[in-house]
N, C-alpha and C. Protein backbone atom coordinates (compact mmCIF):
# COMPACT_ATOMS: atom_id res chain seq x y z
N UNK A 1 85.60 280.93 200.71
CA UNK A 1 84.56 281.92 200.54
C UNK A 1 83.54 281.75 201.69
N UNK A 2 83.25 282.84 202.40
CA UNK A 2 82.28 282.80 203.48
C UNK A 2 80.88 282.93 202.90
N UNK A 3 80.00 281.98 203.24
CA UNK A 3 78.61 282.00 202.78
C UNK A 3 77.72 282.82 203.70
N UNK A 4 77.92 282.64 205.01
CA UNK A 4 77.05 283.30 205.98
C UNK A 4 77.72 283.29 207.34
N UNK A 5 77.26 284.21 208.20
CA UNK A 5 77.69 284.26 209.59
C UNK A 5 76.47 284.60 210.43
N UNK A 6 76.25 283.85 211.52
CA UNK A 6 75.09 284.15 212.36
C UNK A 6 75.46 285.13 213.47
N UNK A 7 74.47 285.50 214.28
CA UNK A 7 74.70 286.53 215.30
C UNK A 7 75.64 286.07 216.41
N UNK A 8 75.89 284.77 216.51
CA UNK A 8 76.83 284.24 217.50
C UNK A 8 78.26 284.18 216.96
N UNK A 9 78.44 284.53 215.69
CA UNK A 9 79.76 284.52 215.08
C UNK A 9 80.14 283.20 214.43
N UNK A 10 79.21 282.25 214.36
CA UNK A 10 79.47 281.00 213.65
C UNK A 10 79.54 281.30 212.16
N UNK A 11 80.55 280.77 211.49
CA UNK A 11 80.74 281.05 210.06
C UNK A 11 80.58 279.81 209.21
N UNK A 12 79.86 279.97 208.12
CA UNK A 12 79.73 278.95 207.09
C UNK A 12 80.65 279.36 205.95
N UNK A 13 81.46 278.45 205.48
CA UNK A 13 82.33 278.78 204.36
C UNK A 13 82.53 277.59 203.44
N UNK A 14 82.95 277.87 202.22
CA UNK A 14 83.20 276.84 201.21
C UNK A 14 84.68 276.86 200.85
N UNK A 15 85.25 275.66 200.82
CA UNK A 15 86.63 275.49 200.39
C UNK A 15 86.67 274.30 199.44
N UNK A 16 87.08 274.53 198.20
CA UNK A 16 87.14 273.48 197.17
C UNK A 16 85.82 272.73 197.04
N UNK A 17 84.71 273.45 197.14
CA UNK A 17 83.39 272.86 196.98
C UNK A 17 82.80 272.25 198.23
N UNK A 18 83.59 272.10 199.28
CA UNK A 18 83.11 271.52 200.53
C UNK A 18 82.65 272.63 201.46
N UNK A 19 81.46 272.43 202.07
CA UNK A 19 80.89 273.42 202.99
C UNK A 19 81.27 273.04 204.42
N UNK A 20 81.80 274.02 205.17
CA UNK A 20 82.18 273.82 206.56
C UNK A 20 81.47 274.86 207.42
N UNK A 21 81.34 274.52 208.71
CA UNK A 21 80.89 275.50 209.69
C UNK A 21 81.96 275.58 210.77
N UNK A 22 82.29 276.81 211.13
CA UNK A 22 83.18 277.04 212.27
C UNK A 22 82.32 277.56 213.41
N UNK A 23 82.24 276.77 214.50
CA UNK A 23 81.45 277.14 215.67
C UNK A 23 82.34 277.96 216.60
N UNK A 24 82.05 279.25 216.69
CA UNK A 24 82.90 280.18 217.43
C UNK A 24 83.01 279.80 218.90
N UNK A 25 81.89 279.53 219.57
CA UNK A 25 81.92 279.25 221.01
C UNK A 25 82.70 277.98 221.33
N UNK A 26 82.69 277.01 220.44
CA UNK A 26 83.37 275.74 220.68
C UNK A 26 84.75 275.70 220.02
N UNK A 27 85.07 276.74 219.21
CA UNK A 27 86.32 276.77 218.45
C UNK A 27 86.53 275.43 217.73
N UNK A 28 85.48 275.06 216.96
CA UNK A 28 85.45 273.77 216.30
C UNK A 28 84.95 273.96 214.87
N UNK A 29 85.53 273.24 213.94
CA UNK A 29 85.10 273.28 212.54
C UNK A 29 84.59 271.90 212.16
N UNK A 30 83.44 271.88 211.47
CA UNK A 30 82.85 270.62 211.03
C UNK A 30 82.47 270.69 209.55
N UNK A 31 82.61 269.58 208.86
CA UNK A 31 82.19 269.49 207.46
C UNK A 31 80.68 269.29 207.44
N UNK A 32 79.99 270.05 206.56
CA UNK A 32 78.55 269.93 206.42
C UNK A 32 78.18 269.12 205.18
N UNK A 33 78.80 269.42 204.07
CA UNK A 33 78.45 268.74 202.82
C UNK A 33 79.25 269.31 201.67
N UNK A 34 78.74 269.08 200.46
CA UNK A 34 79.43 269.52 199.24
C UNK A 34 78.46 270.34 198.41
N UNK A 35 78.93 271.49 197.92
CA UNK A 35 78.16 272.32 196.99
C UNK A 35 78.66 272.03 195.59
N UNK A 36 77.72 271.69 194.70
CA UNK A 36 78.09 271.44 193.31
C UNK A 36 76.95 271.96 192.44
N UNK A 37 77.28 272.84 191.52
CA UNK A 37 76.29 273.42 190.61
C UNK A 37 75.12 274.06 191.36
N UNK A 38 75.39 274.67 192.51
CA UNK A 38 74.36 275.35 193.30
C UNK A 38 73.49 274.42 194.13
N UNK A 39 73.80 273.13 194.13
CA UNK A 39 73.04 272.16 194.91
C UNK A 39 73.90 271.66 196.07
N UNK A 40 73.24 271.26 197.17
CA UNK A 40 73.94 270.80 198.36
C UNK A 40 73.77 269.29 198.50
N UNK A 41 74.89 268.60 198.66
CA UNK A 41 74.91 267.14 198.82
C UNK A 41 75.43 266.83 200.22
N UNK A 42 74.65 266.03 200.97
CA UNK A 42 74.97 265.73 202.36
C UNK A 42 74.84 264.23 202.61
N UNK A 43 75.69 263.69 203.45
CA UNK A 43 75.58 262.29 203.90
C UNK A 43 75.06 262.32 205.34
N UNK A 44 74.13 261.41 205.64
CA UNK A 44 73.57 261.33 206.99
C UNK A 44 73.53 259.89 207.47
N UNK A 45 73.88 259.71 208.74
CA UNK A 45 73.77 258.42 209.40
C UNK A 45 72.45 258.37 210.16
N UNK A 46 72.07 257.17 210.56
CA UNK A 46 70.81 256.98 211.28
C UNK A 46 70.75 257.84 212.54
N UNK A 47 71.88 257.99 213.23
CA UNK A 47 71.88 258.78 214.48
C UNK A 47 71.69 260.28 214.26
N UNK A 48 71.73 260.73 213.00
CA UNK A 48 71.47 262.14 212.71
C UNK A 48 69.98 262.48 212.71
N UNK A 49 69.11 261.48 212.75
CA UNK A 49 67.67 261.75 212.74
C UNK A 49 67.26 262.35 214.08
N UNK A 50 66.59 263.49 214.02
CA UNK A 50 66.04 264.13 215.22
C UNK A 50 64.70 263.45 215.47
N UNK A 51 64.68 262.58 216.46
CA UNK A 51 63.54 261.69 216.68
C UNK A 51 62.23 262.42 217.00
N UNK A 52 62.32 263.53 217.68
CA UNK A 52 61.10 264.27 218.05
C UNK A 52 60.25 264.62 216.83
N UNK A 53 60.91 264.96 215.72
CA UNK A 53 60.20 265.33 214.49
C UNK A 53 60.39 264.31 213.37
N UNK A 54 61.16 263.23 213.61
CA UNK A 54 61.56 262.29 212.57
C UNK A 54 62.10 263.09 211.38
N UNK A 55 63.14 263.86 211.66
CA UNK A 55 63.63 264.85 210.70
C UNK A 55 65.15 264.92 210.69
N UNK A 56 65.67 265.46 209.60
CA UNK A 56 67.09 265.80 209.52
C UNK A 56 67.22 267.30 209.73
N UNK A 57 68.28 267.69 210.45
CA UNK A 57 68.54 269.10 210.70
C UNK A 57 69.53 269.68 209.71
N UNK A 58 69.30 270.94 209.38
CA UNK A 58 70.18 271.68 208.47
C UNK A 58 70.47 273.04 209.08
N UNK A 59 71.62 273.57 208.79
CA UNK A 59 71.96 274.91 209.24
C UNK A 59 71.04 275.90 208.52
N UNK A 60 70.29 276.69 209.29
CA UNK A 60 69.31 277.61 208.71
C UNK A 60 69.97 278.65 207.81
N UNK A 61 71.07 279.22 208.25
CA UNK A 61 71.74 280.25 207.43
C UNK A 61 72.21 279.67 206.10
N UNK A 62 72.67 278.43 206.11
CA UNK A 62 73.11 277.79 204.87
C UNK A 62 71.94 277.59 203.92
N UNK A 63 70.83 277.07 204.42
CA UNK A 63 69.66 276.84 203.56
C UNK A 63 69.17 278.16 202.97
N UNK A 64 69.14 279.21 203.77
CA UNK A 64 68.72 280.53 203.25
C UNK A 64 69.70 281.07 202.22
N UNK A 65 70.98 280.78 202.37
CA UNK A 65 71.98 281.33 201.44
C UNK A 65 72.00 280.64 200.09
N UNK A 66 71.42 279.45 199.99
CA UNK A 66 71.49 278.67 198.75
C UNK A 66 70.57 279.18 197.64
N UNK A 67 69.50 279.86 198.02
CA UNK A 67 68.49 280.25 197.04
C UNK A 67 67.36 279.25 197.06
N UNK A 68 66.15 279.70 196.82
CA UNK A 68 64.96 278.87 196.98
C UNK A 68 64.92 277.65 196.06
N UNK A 69 65.51 277.74 194.88
CA UNK A 69 65.45 276.65 193.91
C UNK A 69 66.55 275.61 194.08
N UNK A 70 67.48 275.84 195.01
CA UNK A 70 68.59 274.89 195.19
C UNK A 70 68.06 273.53 195.64
N UNK A 71 68.64 272.50 195.09
CA UNK A 71 68.29 271.14 195.49
C UNK A 71 69.16 270.72 196.67
N UNK A 72 68.54 270.02 197.61
CA UNK A 72 69.25 269.45 198.75
C UNK A 72 69.13 267.93 198.59
N UNK A 73 70.27 267.25 198.49
CA UNK A 73 70.29 265.82 198.28
C UNK A 73 70.96 265.17 199.49
N UNK A 74 70.20 264.29 200.17
CA UNK A 74 70.70 263.63 201.37
C UNK A 74 70.89 262.15 201.06
N UNK A 75 72.13 261.71 201.14
CA UNK A 75 72.46 260.29 200.96
C UNK A 75 72.47 259.66 202.35
N UNK A 76 71.53 258.72 202.59
CA UNK A 76 71.42 258.07 203.88
C UNK A 76 72.38 256.88 203.96
N UNK A 77 72.77 256.56 205.16
CA UNK A 77 73.68 255.45 205.42
C UNK A 77 73.16 254.14 204.83
N UNK A 78 71.83 253.94 204.87
CA UNK A 78 71.22 252.71 204.35
C UNK A 78 71.24 252.64 202.83
N UNK A 79 71.62 253.73 202.17
CA UNK A 79 71.72 253.73 200.72
C UNK A 79 70.65 254.54 200.01
N UNK A 80 69.54 254.86 200.70
CA UNK A 80 68.50 255.68 200.08
C UNK A 80 68.98 257.11 199.89
N UNK A 81 68.45 257.75 198.87
CA UNK A 81 68.75 259.16 198.62
C UNK A 81 67.46 259.95 198.72
N UNK A 82 67.46 260.97 199.56
CA UNK A 82 66.31 261.85 199.73
C UNK A 82 66.60 263.17 199.05
N UNK A 83 65.57 263.75 198.42
CA UNK A 83 65.76 265.02 197.71
C UNK A 83 64.67 265.99 198.09
N UNK A 84 65.04 267.26 198.10
CA UNK A 84 64.08 268.34 198.33
C UNK A 84 64.71 269.64 197.83
N UNK A 85 64.02 270.74 198.03
CA UNK A 85 64.55 272.05 197.67
C UNK A 85 64.68 272.90 198.93
N UNK A 86 65.47 273.94 198.82
CA UNK A 86 65.61 274.87 199.95
C UNK A 86 64.26 275.49 200.29
N UNK A 87 63.45 275.81 199.29
CA UNK A 87 62.14 276.41 199.57
C UNK A 87 61.23 275.44 200.32
N UNK A 88 61.30 274.14 200.00
CA UNK A 88 60.49 273.14 200.70
C UNK A 88 60.92 273.03 202.17
N UNK A 89 62.22 273.07 202.42
CA UNK A 89 62.71 273.03 203.80
C UNK A 89 62.24 274.25 204.56
N UNK A 90 62.34 275.42 203.94
CA UNK A 90 61.91 276.65 204.63
C UNK A 90 60.41 276.66 204.88
N UNK A 91 59.64 276.04 203.99
CA UNK A 91 58.18 276.01 204.14
C UNK A 91 57.72 274.99 205.17
N UNK A 92 58.34 273.81 205.20
CA UNK A 92 57.86 272.71 206.04
C UNK A 92 58.73 272.41 207.26
N UNK A 93 59.88 273.05 207.35
CA UNK A 93 60.80 272.76 208.46
C UNK A 93 60.41 273.45 209.76
N UNK A 94 60.98 272.95 210.84
CA UNK A 94 60.79 273.51 212.17
C UNK A 94 62.13 274.04 212.66
N UNK A 95 62.15 275.30 213.08
CA UNK A 95 63.39 275.96 213.47
C UNK A 95 63.63 275.81 214.97
N UNK A 96 64.85 275.42 215.31
CA UNK A 96 65.29 275.34 216.70
C UNK A 96 66.62 276.06 216.81
N UNK A 97 66.78 276.81 217.90
CA UNK A 97 67.96 277.62 218.11
C UNK A 97 68.85 276.97 219.16
N UNK A 98 70.07 276.67 218.79
CA UNK A 98 71.03 276.04 219.71
C UNK A 98 72.20 276.97 220.03
N UNK A 99 72.02 278.28 219.84
CA UNK A 99 73.11 279.23 220.06
C UNK A 99 73.62 279.21 221.49
N UNK A 100 72.72 279.08 222.47
CA UNK A 100 73.16 279.09 223.89
C UNK A 100 74.02 277.88 224.22
N UNK A 101 73.91 276.82 223.43
CA UNK A 101 74.71 275.61 223.62
C UNK A 101 76.00 275.64 222.80
N UNK A 102 76.25 276.75 222.12
CA UNK A 102 77.46 276.88 221.32
C UNK A 102 77.32 276.35 219.90
N UNK A 103 76.09 276.02 219.50
CA UNK A 103 75.84 275.54 218.16
C UNK A 103 75.06 276.59 217.37
N UNK A 104 74.59 276.21 216.20
CA UNK A 104 73.91 277.15 215.32
C UNK A 104 72.40 276.93 215.33
N UNK A 105 71.68 277.87 214.72
CA UNK A 105 70.25 277.71 214.53
C UNK A 105 70.04 276.71 213.40
N UNK A 106 69.18 275.72 213.65
CA UNK A 106 68.93 274.69 212.67
C UNK A 106 67.46 274.64 212.28
N UNK A 107 67.21 274.12 211.09
CA UNK A 107 65.85 273.89 210.63
C UNK A 107 65.73 272.39 210.36
N UNK A 108 64.68 271.78 210.92
CA UNK A 108 64.50 270.34 210.84
C UNK A 108 63.40 270.00 209.84
N UNK A 109 63.76 269.21 208.84
CA UNK A 109 62.85 268.82 207.78
C UNK A 109 62.38 267.38 208.03
N UNK A 110 61.07 267.18 208.26
CA UNK A 110 60.57 265.82 208.44
C UNK A 110 60.88 264.95 207.23
N UNK A 111 61.30 263.73 207.48
CA UNK A 111 61.69 262.81 206.41
C UNK A 111 60.55 262.59 205.43
N UNK A 112 59.31 262.60 205.90
CA UNK A 112 58.16 262.41 205.03
C UNK A 112 57.96 263.52 204.00
N UNK A 113 58.63 264.65 204.17
CA UNK A 113 58.50 265.77 203.23
C UNK A 113 59.56 265.75 202.12
N UNK A 114 60.45 264.77 202.16
CA UNK A 114 61.44 264.57 201.09
C UNK A 114 60.83 263.68 200.01
N UNK A 115 61.44 263.68 198.85
CA UNK A 115 61.11 262.69 197.82
C UNK A 115 62.29 261.73 197.71
N UNK A 116 62.01 260.54 197.22
CA UNK A 116 63.08 259.54 197.04
C UNK A 116 63.65 259.61 195.64
């Protein structure tokens, strides 16, 4: 099932509960996370932190497609679990566009805006 497609033709889709993105310019597919009961579950390693904002990045189209009340649960490599909602990410996140580099538009949520 296709969740969203951006203006560059990148597609977000769900297969057996797993969310993937197909990057058209790079002809590459990557796993993003798992959708369960309308909530998104993601694993992140330390190198996924965007140091400029001390934030984790999320696909903007995916966050918008989930609905404002959807929970986003990030399981960090160190074992901590961070939680927030799609509306909190949209309210406090910073949007950066990587379309010219063959990637998608992302929204970066500062780690301090999550709850543990």
